Amino acid sequence: MKCQHNKKLFGVRIQQQQNNDWDLTWAFPISEKRAQNEGFDKETLTVNIEYASTYPGCPYCSTTGFVQCGNCGKLTCYNDSGEFTCAWCGKKSNSFRESDSSDLKIGED
């Protein structure tokens, strides 16, 4: 995920609950190089995401919401403030689906 404000990368930990339900439990700053070395850009999951009560939100701006870009499919934190600009590809949109308890494809093909 990337921060909507400073476009810095951060990782999120998700833990599987029951069935195909996963909880966001933690967020942490991470460098692009470390994320690639850890193989985080190679993971792909299609899951139902919920927020755990312990989820602190974006480590840079504390926003707990996020949006999956309809253009590039990547995740950006989002605070429901109107127009959304993807921190990955820069696409702007007034119409999008805020990601909350919905099926998400996380990662790249």
N, C-alpha and C. Protein backbone atom coordinates (compact mmCIF):
# COMPACT_ATOMS: atom_id res chain seq x y z
N MET A 1 0.85 -1.17 0.00
CA MET A 1 0.00 0.00 0.00
C MET A 1 0.89 1.23 0.00
N LYS A 2 0.36 2.36 -0.50
CA LYS A 2 1.07 3.62 -0.43
C LYS A 2 0.20 4.67 0.24
N CYS A 3 0.87 5.65 0.88
CA CYS A 3 0.18 6.75 1.54
C CYS A 3 -0.32 7.74 0.49
N GLN A 4 -1.56 8.17 0.61
CA GLN A 4 -2.14 9.13 -0.33
C GLN A 4 -1.47 10.50 -0.25
N HIS A 5 -0.87 10.83 0.89
CA HIS A 5 -0.30 12.16 1.08
C HIS A 5 1.15 12.27 0.62
N ASN A 6 2.00 11.32 1.01
CA ASN A 6 3.42 11.43 0.68
C ASN A 6 3.90 10.36 -0.31
N LYS A 7 2.99 9.47 -0.70
CA LYS A 7 3.26 8.41 -1.68
C LYS A 7 4.35 7.44 -1.24
N LYS A 8 4.59 7.37 0.08
CA LYS A 8 5.56 6.42 0.62
C LYS A 8 4.89 5.06 0.78
N LEU A 9 5.68 4.04 0.54
CA LEU A 9 5.22 2.66 0.64
C LEU A 9 5.11 2.23 2.10
N PHE A 10 4.09 1.41 2.37
CA PHE A 10 4.02 0.77 3.67
C PHE A 10 3.41 -0.62 3.51
N GLY A 11 3.81 -1.49 4.40
CA GLY A 11 3.28 -2.85 4.39
C GLY A 11 2.14 -2.98 5.37
N VAL A 12 1.29 -3.94 5.13
CA VAL A 12 0.22 -4.25 6.08
C VAL A 12 0.26 -5.74 6.36
N ARG A 13 0.01 -6.08 7.59
CA ARG A 13 -0.09 -7.49 7.95
C ARG A 13 -1.57 -7.84 7.96
N ILE A 14 -1.87 -8.93 7.28
CA ILE A 14 -3.24 -9.45 7.32
C ILE A 14 -3.18 -10.87 7.87
N GLN A 15 -4.13 -11.19 8.72
CA GLN A 15 -4.19 -12.52 9.32
C GLN A 15 -5.50 -13.18 8.94
N GLN A 16 -5.38 -14.45 8.54
CA GLN A 16 -6.57 -15.19 8.13
C GLN A 16 -7.42 -15.54 9.35
N GLN A 17 -8.71 -15.34 9.20
CA GLN A 17 -9.66 -15.69 10.25
C GLN A 17 -10.37 -16.98 9.83
N GLN A 18 -11.64 -16.92 9.52
CA GLN A 18 -12.37 -18.10 9.09
C GLN A 18 -12.71 -17.96 7.61
N ASN A 19 -12.87 -19.11 6.97
CA ASN A 19 -13.18 -19.15 5.54
C ASN A 19 -12.14 -18.35 4.77
N ASN A 20 -12.59 -17.37 3.99
CA ASN A 20 -11.66 -16.55 3.22
C ASN A 20 -11.64 -15.13 3.77
N ASP A 21 -11.90 -14.99 5.09
CA ASP A 21 -11.89 -13.68 5.73
C ASP A 21 -10.52 -13.40 6.33
N TRP A 22 -10.04 -12.18 6.12
CA TRP A 22 -8.73 -11.77 6.61
C TRP A 22 -8.88 -10.43 7.32
N ASP A 23 -8.12 -10.24 8.40
CA ASP A 23 -8.14 -8.98 9.15
C ASP A 23 -6.85 -8.21 8.93
N LEU A 24 -6.98 -6.91 8.65
CA LEU A 24 -5.83 -6.01 8.67
C LEU A 24 -5.49 -5.80 10.15
N THR A 25 -4.27 -6.13 10.55
CA THR A 25 -3.93 -6.04 11.97
C THR A 25 -2.81 -5.05 12.28
N TRP A 26 -1.99 -4.70 11.28
CA TRP A 26 -0.82 -3.88 11.56
C TRP A 26 -0.35 -3.21 10.28
N ALA A 27 0.26 -2.06 10.38
CA ALA A 27 0.84 -1.36 9.23
C ALA A 27 2.22 -0.85 9.64
N PHE A 28 3.15 -0.87 8.68
CA PHE A 28 4.52 -0.49 9.00
C PHE A 28 5.21 0.10 7.77
N PRO A 29 6.05 1.12 7.98
CA PRO A 29 6.81 1.68 6.85
C PRO A 29 7.76 0.63 6.30
N ILE A 30 7.96 0.63 5.00
CA ILE A 30 8.90 -0.30 4.38
C ILE A 30 9.46 0.34 3.11
N SER A 31 10.71 0.10 2.85
CA SER A 31 11.32 0.67 1.65
C SER A 31 10.95 -0.20 0.44
N GLU A 32 11.00 0.42 -0.73
CA GLU A 32 10.70 -0.33 -1.97
C GLU A 32 11.66 -1.50 -2.12
N LYS A 33 12.94 -1.26 -1.82
CA LYS A 33 13.96 -2.30 -1.96
C LYS A 33 13.68 -3.48 -1.03
N ARG A 34 13.35 -3.18 0.22
CA ARG A 34 13.08 -4.27 1.16
C ARG A 34 11.82 -5.05 0.76
N ALA A 35 10.80 -4.33 0.30
CA ALA A 35 9.57 -5.00 -0.13
C ALA A 35 9.86 -5.96 -1.28
N GLN A 36 10.71 -5.54 -2.23
CA GLN A 36 11.08 -6.41 -3.34
C GLN A 36 11.92 -7.58 -2.87
N ASN A 37 12.88 -7.32 -1.96
CA ASN A 37 13.72 -8.40 -1.43
C ASN A 37 12.91 -9.44 -0.67
N GLU A 38 11.87 -9.00 0.03
CA GLU A 38 11.00 -9.91 0.78
C GLU A 38 10.01 -10.62 -0.13
N GLY A 39 9.89 -10.17 -1.37
CA GLY A 39 8.96 -10.79 -2.31
C GLY A 39 7.52 -10.35 -2.15
N PHE A 40 7.30 -9.23 -1.43
CA PHE A 40 5.94 -8.76 -1.21
C PHE A 40 5.23 -8.41 -2.51
N ASP A 41 5.99 -8.02 -3.53
CA ASP A 41 5.37 -7.67 -4.81
C ASP A 41 4.99 -8.90 -5.62
N LYS A 42 5.31 -10.08 -5.13
CA LYS A 42 5.00 -11.33 -5.84
C LYS A 42 3.77 -12.03 -5.27
N GLU A 43 3.31 -11.60 -4.10
CA GLU A 43 2.17 -12.23 -3.44
C GLU A 43 0.87 -11.77 -4.08
N THR A 44 -0.04 -12.71 -4.33
CA THR A 44 -1.36 -12.38 -4.85
C THR A 44 -2.40 -13.16 -4.06
N LEU A 45 -3.35 -12.43 -3.49
CA LEU A 45 -4.45 -13.04 -2.75
C LEU A 45 -5.74 -12.39 -3.22
N THR A 46 -6.80 -13.15 -3.29
CA THR A 46 -8.13 -12.57 -3.47
C THR A 46 -8.89 -12.91 -2.20
N VAL A 47 -9.11 -11.89 -1.39
CA VAL A 47 -9.61 -12.12 -0.04
C VAL A 47 -10.65 -11.08 0.35
N ASN A 48 -11.41 -11.41 1.39
CA ASN A 48 -12.34 -10.49 2.01
C ASN A 48 -11.62 -9.85 3.19
N ILE A 49 -11.46 -8.53 3.16
CA ILE A 49 -10.68 -7.80 4.16
C ILE A 49 -11.61 -7.14 5.19
N GLU A 50 -11.28 -7.29 6.45
CA GLU A 50 -11.94 -6.60 7.56
C GLU A 50 -10.85 -5.84 8.32
N TYR A 51 -11.25 -4.90 9.15
CA TYR A 51 -10.30 -4.17 9.98
C TYR A 51 -10.33 -4.74 11.39
N ALA A 52 -9.18 -5.19 11.89
CA ALA A 52 -9.08 -5.61 13.29
C ALA A 52 -9.09 -4.35 14.16
N SER A 53 -9.54 -4.47 15.37
CA SER A 53 -9.57 -3.32 16.28
C SER A 53 -8.17 -2.79 16.56
N THR A 54 -7.17 -3.60 16.32
CA THR A 54 -5.78 -3.20 16.57
C THR A 54 -5.14 -2.49 15.38
N TYR A 55 -5.81 -2.44 14.24
CA TYR A 55 -5.21 -1.85 13.04
C TYR A 55 -4.99 -0.35 13.25
N PRO A 56 -3.72 0.12 13.20
CA PRO A 56 -3.43 1.53 13.47
C PRO A 56 -3.62 2.45 12.29
N GLY A 57 -3.79 1.91 11.09
CA GLY A 57 -3.89 2.73 9.90
C GLY A 57 -2.53 3.02 9.30
N CYS A 58 -2.52 3.90 8.32
CA CYS A 58 -1.30 4.28 7.62
C CYS A 58 -0.26 4.79 8.61
N PRO A 59 0.98 4.30 8.54
CA PRO A 59 2.00 4.75 9.48
C PRO A 59 2.45 6.20 9.26
N TYR A 60 2.03 6.80 8.15
CA TYR A 60 2.42 8.17 7.85
C TYR A 60 1.32 9.18 8.19
N CYS A 61 0.05 8.84 7.90
CA CYS A 61 -1.03 9.81 8.10
C CYS A 61 -2.15 9.29 9.01
N SER A 62 -2.06 8.05 9.45
CA SER A 62 -3.02 7.41 10.37
C SER A 62 -4.39 7.12 9.77
N THR A 63 -4.56 7.33 8.47
CA THR A 63 -5.82 7.01 7.82
C THR A 63 -6.04 5.50 7.86
N THR A 64 -7.24 5.07 8.23
CA THR A 64 -7.51 3.63 8.32
C THR A 64 -8.19 3.08 7.08
N GLY A 65 -8.75 3.93 6.24
CA GLY A 65 -9.39 3.46 5.02
C GLY A 65 -8.40 3.32 3.89
N PHE A 66 -8.83 2.62 2.84
CA PHE A 66 -8.00 2.51 1.64
C PHE A 66 -8.87 2.27 0.44
N VAL A 67 -8.28 2.54 -0.72
CA VAL A 67 -8.98 2.39 -2.00
C VAL A 67 -8.14 1.52 -2.91
N GLN A 68 -8.80 0.65 -3.65
CA GLN A 68 -8.12 -0.11 -4.69
C GLN A 68 -8.37 0.62 -6.00
N CYS A 69 -7.28 1.05 -6.64
CA CYS A 69 -7.38 1.83 -7.88
C CYS A 69 -8.00 0.99 -8.99
N GLY A 70 -8.96 1.56 -9.69
CA GLY A 70 -9.59 0.88 -10.81
C GLY A 70 -8.69 0.82 -12.04
N ASN A 71 -7.65 1.63 -12.07
CA ASN A 71 -6.73 1.67 -13.19
C ASN A 71 -5.60 0.65 -13.03
N CYS A 72 -4.86 0.73 -11.92
CA CYS A 72 -3.69 -0.15 -11.75
C CYS A 72 -3.94 -1.30 -10.76
N GLY A 73 -5.03 -1.22 -9.99
CA GLY A 73 -5.37 -2.29 -9.06
C GLY A 73 -4.61 -2.27 -7.74
N LYS A 74 -3.78 -1.26 -7.53
CA LYS A 74 -2.99 -1.19 -6.30
C LYS A 74 -3.74 -0.40 -5.24
N LEU A 75 -3.27 -0.52 -3.99
CA LEU A 75 -3.95 0.06 -2.85
C LEU A 75 -3.29 1.35 -2.38
N THR A 76 -4.13 2.33 -2.04
CA THR A 76 -3.70 3.62 -1.49
C THR A 76 -4.57 3.91 -0.29
N CYS A 77 -3.96 4.41 0.81
CA CYS A 77 -4.79 4.80 1.95
C CYS A 77 -5.70 5.94 1.53
N TYR A 78 -6.84 6.07 2.19
CA TYR A 78 -7.83 7.07 1.79
C TYR A 78 -8.70 7.44 2.98
N ASN A 79 -8.97 8.75 3.14
CA ASN A 79 -9.73 9.21 4.30
C ASN A 79 -11.11 9.75 3.93
N ASP A 80 -11.65 9.33 2.80
CA ASP A 80 -13.01 9.71 2.40
C ASP A 80 -13.15 11.22 2.24
N SER A 81 -12.17 11.83 1.58
CA SER A 81 -12.17 13.29 1.45
C SER A 81 -12.52 13.79 0.05
N GLY A 82 -13.30 13.04 -0.68
CA GLY A 82 -13.69 13.48 -2.02
C GLY A 82 -12.88 12.81 -3.10
N GLU A 83 -12.32 13.60 -4.00
CA GLU A 83 -11.58 13.06 -5.12
C GLU A 83 -10.40 12.21 -4.65
N PHE A 84 -10.24 11.09 -5.29
CA PHE A 84 -9.15 10.16 -4.97
C PHE A 84 -8.09 10.24 -6.06
N THR A 85 -6.82 10.29 -5.65
CA THR A 85 -5.70 10.20 -6.58
C THR A 85 -4.85 9.02 -6.17
N CYS A 86 -4.68 8.07 -7.06
CA CYS A 86 -3.89 6.88 -6.77
C CYS A 86 -2.43 7.28 -6.54
N ALA A 87 -1.86 6.81 -5.43
CA ALA A 87 -0.47 7.11 -5.11
C ALA A 87 0.50 6.33 -5.99
N TRP A 88 0.01 5.33 -6.72
CA TRP A 88 0.85 4.50 -7.59
C TRP A 88 0.90 5.04 -9.02
N CYS A 89 -0.27 5.22 -9.63
CA CYS A 89 -0.30 5.58 -11.05
C CYS A 89 -0.74 7.02 -11.29
N GLY A 90 -1.23 7.72 -10.25
CA GLY A 90 -1.62 9.12 -10.37
C GLY A 90 -3.00 9.36 -10.95
N LYS A 91 -3.75 8.30 -11.26
CA LYS A 91 -5.08 8.47 -11.82
C LYS A 91 -6.01 9.09 -10.78
N LYS A 92 -6.77 10.10 -11.21
CA LYS A 92 -7.73 10.78 -10.34
C LYS A 92 -9.13 10.29 -10.66
N SER A 93 -9.97 10.23 -9.62
CA SER A 93 -11.33 9.76 -9.83
C SER A 93 -12.25 10.35 -8.76
N ASN A 94 -13.47 10.66 -9.16
CA ASN A 94 -14.51 11.03 -8.22
C ASN A 94 -15.42 9.85 -7.94
N SER A 95 -15.33 8.81 -8.77
CA SER A 95 -16.16 7.64 -8.58
C SER A 95 -15.26 6.41 -8.44
N PHE A 96 -15.33 5.81 -7.32
CA PHE A 96 -14.52 4.63 -7.03
C PHE A 96 -15.18 3.89 -5.89
N ARG A 97 -14.68 2.71 -5.62
CA ARG A 97 -15.21 1.92 -4.52
C ARG A 97 -14.18 1.92 -3.40
N GLU A 98 -14.56 2.49 -2.25
CA GLU A 98 -13.66 2.43 -1.11
C GLU A 98 -13.62 0.98 -0.66
N SER A 99 -12.44 0.47 -0.43
CA SER A 99 -12.28 -0.92 -0.07
C SER A 99 -12.57 -1.11 1.40
N ASP A 100 -13.63 -1.83 1.69
CA ASP A 100 -14.01 -2.12 3.05
C ASP A 100 -14.85 -3.39 3.02
N SER A 101 -14.34 -4.44 3.60
CA SER A 101 -15.06 -5.71 3.66
C SER A 101 -15.48 -6.20 2.28
N SER A 102 -14.60 -6.05 1.33
CA SER A 102 -14.92 -6.48 -0.01
C SER A 102 -13.81 -7.37 -0.55
N ASP A 103 -14.12 -8.10 -1.58
CA ASP A 103 -13.12 -8.97 -2.17
C ASP A 103 -12.06 -8.15 -2.88
N LEU A 104 -10.82 -8.34 -2.48
CA LEU A 104 -9.70 -7.62 -3.05
C LEU A 104 -8.70 -8.58 -3.62
N LYS A 105 -8.14 -8.23 -4.73
CA LYS A 105 -7.02 -8.98 -5.27
C LYS A 105 -5.78 -8.18 -4.87
N ILE A 106 -4.98 -8.73 -4.00
CA ILE A 106 -3.82 -8.04 -3.45
C ILE A 106 -2.57 -8.59 -4.09
N GLY A 107 -1.74 -7.72 -4.63
CA GLY A 107 -0.50 -8.14 -5.24
C GLY A 107 -0.56 -7.94 -6.74
N GLU A 108 0.41 -8.52 -7.42
CA GLU A 108 0.49 -8.40 -8.86
C GLU A 108 0.42 -9.78 -9.50
N ASP A 109 -0.05 -9.84 -10.74
CA ASP A 109 -0.10 -11.11 -11.46
C ASP A 109 1.29 -11.52 -11.90
